[in-house]
Protein backbone atom coordinates (compact mmCIF):
# COMPACT_ATOMS: atom_id res chain seq x y z
CA PHE A 1 11.84 -11.39 28.65
CA LYS A 2 11.50 -9.56 25.45
CA ASN A 3 7.61 -9.49 25.77
CA ASP A 4 7.84 -8.15 29.29
CA ALA A 5 5.65 -5.02 29.81
CA ARG A 6 8.44 -3.31 31.14
CA VAL A 7 10.74 -4.02 28.03
CA GLU A 8 7.77 -3.14 25.82
CA ALA A 9 7.37 0.16 27.41
CA TYR A 10 11.10 1.41 27.21
CA GLY A 11 11.61 -0.51 23.95
CA THR A 12 8.72 1.82 22.38
CA VAL A 13 10.17 4.68 24.05
CA ASP A 14 13.66 3.67 22.14
CA GLU A 15 11.65 3.65 18.69
CA LEU A 16 10.25 6.95 19.48
CA ASN A 17 13.85 8.38 20.05
CA SER A 18 15.07 6.78 16.83
CA MET A 19 12.12 8.42 14.98
CA LEU A 20 13.22 11.74 16.36
CA GLY A 21 16.87 11.00 15.17
CA VAL A 22 15.45 10.47 11.74
CA ILE A 23 13.55 13.94 11.87
CA ILE A 24 16.77 15.56 13.04
CA ALA A 25 18.80 14.23 10.28
CA ASP A 26 15.96 15.31 7.80
CA LEU A 27 16.03 18.84 9.22
CA ASN A 28 19.84 18.80 9.00
CA TYR A 29 19.78 18.04 5.32
CA SER A 30 16.55 19.39 4.24
CA SER A 31 16.71 21.16 0.64
CA SER A 32 13.78 23.58 1.76
CA ALA A 33 16.38 25.83 3.48
CA SER A 34 20.01 26.48 3.68
CA ARG A 35 22.01 24.29 5.92
CA GLU A 36 23.43 27.43 7.90
CA ALA A 37 19.88 28.15 8.75
CA PHE A 38 19.43 24.85 10.43
CA PHE A 39 22.71 25.22 12.52
CA ASN A 40 21.69 28.84 13.28
CA ILE A 41 20.23 28.35 16.91
CA ASP A 42 18.37 31.71 16.34
CA SER A 43 16.46 30.32 13.43
CA PRO A 44 13.31 28.57 13.73
CA GLN A 45 14.69 25.23 12.28
CA GLY A 46 17.80 25.55 14.69
CA ARG A 47 15.68 26.10 17.67
CA ILE A 48 13.41 23.03 16.62
CA ILE A 49 16.75 21.03 16.17
CA ASN A 50 17.75 21.78 19.74
CA LYS A 51 14.41 21.05 21.12
CA LEU A 52 14.38 17.66 19.47
CA LEU A 53 17.91 16.91 20.67
CA ARG A 54 16.76 17.82 24.36
CA ILE A 55 13.74 15.61 23.81
CA GLN A 56 16.10 12.76 22.81
CA ARG A 57 18.09 13.00 26.02
CA GLU A 58 14.91 13.21 27.85
CA LEU A 59 13.59 10.06 26.37
CA PHE A 60 16.83 8.38 27.54
CA VAL A 61 15.66 9.56 31.20
CA LEU A 62 12.59 8.09 30.53
CA GLY A 63 13.68 4.77 29.45
CA THR A 64 15.76 4.64 32.37
CA ASP A 65 13.06 5.33 34.50
CA LEU A 66 10.89 2.87 32.96
CA ALA A 67 13.59 0.16 33.09
CA SER A 68 14.31 0.60 36.95
CA PRO A 69 11.67 -0.63 39.36
CA SER A 70 10.64 2.16 41.82
CA ASP A 71 12.13 0.36 44.66
CA VAL A 72 15.73 0.10 43.11
CA LYS A 73 18.38 0.73 45.70
CA ILE A 74 20.54 2.80 43.40
CA LYS A 75 20.01 6.49 42.15
CA ILE A 76 18.25 6.55 39.16
CA PRO A 77 17.53 9.54 36.68
CA ARG A 78 13.66 10.15 36.90
CA ILE A 79 11.19 12.05 35.03
CA THR A 80 10.01 15.11 37.14
CA LYS A 81 7.59 17.77 36.94
CA PRO A 82 9.90 20.26 35.44
CA PHE A 83 10.21 18.07 32.25
CA VAL A 84 6.58 18.11 31.92
CA SER A 85 6.03 22.04 32.49
CA ARG A 86 8.61 22.79 29.94
CA LEU A 87 6.70 20.62 27.34
CA GLU A 88 3.55 22.54 28.35
CA GLN A 89 5.39 25.82 27.91
CA GLU A 90 6.48 24.97 24.47
CA ILE A 91 3.04 23.66 23.40
CA ASP A 92 1.50 27.00 24.47
CA SER A 93 4.22 29.10 22.82
CA TRP A 94 3.91 27.24 19.22
CA ASP A 95 0.06 27.02 19.54
CA LYS A 96 -0.52 30.71 19.95
CA ASN A 97 1.14 31.22 16.47
CA LEU A 98 -1.16 28.56 14.96
CA PRO A 99 -4.66 28.75 13.49
CA LYS A 100 -7.34 27.42 16.15
CA LEU A 101 -8.43 24.02 15.26
CA ARG A 102 -12.17 23.49 14.34
CA ASN A 103 -11.98 20.25 12.80
CA PHE A 104 -9.78 17.10 13.05
CA ILE A 105 -6.80 17.31 10.73
CA LEU A 106 -5.11 14.42 8.70
CA PRO A 107 -1.58 13.52 9.67
CA SER A 108 0.21 15.06 6.62
CA GLY A 109 1.91 18.19 5.30
CA SER A 110 5.50 18.45 4.58
CA LYS A 111 8.13 15.73 4.99
CA ILE A 112 9.19 16.69 8.34
CA GLY A 113 5.65 17.57 9.42
CA SER A 114 4.41 14.31 8.40
CA LYS A 115 7.37 12.29 10.34
CA LEU A 116 6.40 14.43 13.47
CA HIS A 117 3.04 13.16 13.19
CA LEU A 118 4.48 9.55 12.94
CA ALA A 119 6.42 10.29 15.85
CA ARG A 120 3.30 11.37 17.57
CA SER A 121 1.66 7.93 17.11
CA ILE A 122 4.65 6.19 18.50
CA ALA A 123 4.58 8.37 21.50
CA ARG A 124 0.76 7.31 21.97
CA ARG A 125 1.82 3.60 21.56
CA ALA A 126 4.59 4.46 24.02
CA GLU A 127 1.83 5.76 26.33
CA ARG A 128 -0.36 2.82 26.04
CA SER A 129 2.68 0.61 27.02
CA ILE A 130 3.51 2.62 29.97
CA THR A 131 -0.10 2.61 31.10
CA ASN A 132 -0.16 -1.19 30.75
CA LEU A 133 3.03 -1.28 32.64
CA SER A 134 1.45 0.88 35.46
CA SER A 135 -1.25 -1.50 35.91
CA ILE A 136 1.11 -4.20 36.75
CA GLU A 137 3.82 -2.28 38.62
CA LYS A 138 4.34 0.96 40.61
CA ILE A 139 5.97 3.49 38.36
CA ASN A 140 6.86 7.17 38.36
CA ARG A 141 3.58 9.00 37.53
CA ASN A 142 5.55 11.52 36.11
CA ALA A 143 6.64 9.33 33.31
CA GLN A 144 2.99 8.78 32.25
CA ILE A 145 2.17 12.48 32.28
CA TYR A 146 5.52 13.24 30.48
CA ILE A 147 4.54 10.77 27.57
CA ASN A 148 1.10 12.12 27.37
CA ARG A 149 2.29 15.82 27.01
CA LEU A 150 5.05 14.69 24.58
CA SER A 151 2.66 13.28 22.22
CA ASP A 152 0.73 16.75 22.34
CA TRP A 153 4.01 18.40 21.91
CA LEU A 154 4.82 16.41 18.64
CA PHE A 155 1.33 17.17 17.42
CA VAL A 156 1.72 21.02 17.81
CA LEU A 157 5.14 20.89 16.47
CA ALA A 158 4.04 19.09 13.37
CA ARG A 159 1.44 21.79 12.94
CA TYR A 160 4.01 24.50 13.51
CA VAL A 161 6.70 22.97 11.07
CA ASN A 162 3.86 22.77 8.32
CA LYS A 163 3.18 26.44 8.92
CA LEU A 164 6.67 27.38 8.47
CA GLU A 165 6.93 25.34 5.50
CA ASN A 166 3.69 26.75 3.97
CA GLN A 167 1.72 23.37 3.95
CA LYS A 168 -2.06 23.63 4.16
CA GLU A 169 -3.61 21.26 6.85
CA SER A 170 -5.76 18.51 5.49
CA ILE A 171 -9.10 18.67 7.19
CA TRP A 172 -10.87 15.48 7.67
CA LYS A 173 -14.10 15.74 6.37
CA GLY A 174 -15.70 12.38 7.49
CA ARG A 175 -17.73 10.34 5.21
CA LYS A 176 -18.73 11.70 1.90
C-alpha cells in the first residue's frame, strides 16, 4: 500500500535523491562560476558535485535497504558503518573551514546553499519516516544512523557552499 511505513520511508529517500539531482543540475549550470570549474574534479565545485553523486548512489542503497525486510533470503545491498564514517569525516573537513556557530542560522544563502538546506529538511523527514518504520519492523540500524548524519552533512555543506559563494549567514534573532 502507498501509505505503508516502509513505502513512506523509501519514498522520502527517493524524494531526497531527486532534490540532490536538482542541486547537481544547478551546480553544473551555475552562472556564478565557469562550467569548466564545475567539471574540474580539483575545484571545490567539482568535488562537491562528485560527493553529491556519491550520495545519490548511497541513497539508492538506502532505499533498497529500507524496501527489503531484514529477513529477506536474497543478498541485498545494505548501509554499513563505512558509509557513516565517510560522512562524518567530510563533515569535519568542511566544518574546520567554517566560522563556529554561536547562534541558530536561518536556512538561506545562495541558490545552491538554500537548496541544500531544503535537502537537509527532506533528510530530516526521511529520518522521521525511518524511525517510524523501525518502531513497526526491524530495520538496519545503520540506515537510521546514516540518514541522521546525512542531514548534518547537508547542513554543513550548505554552510560551506554559502561561504564559497561569499553569502553571509542569516542569524536567527528570536523575538523582536
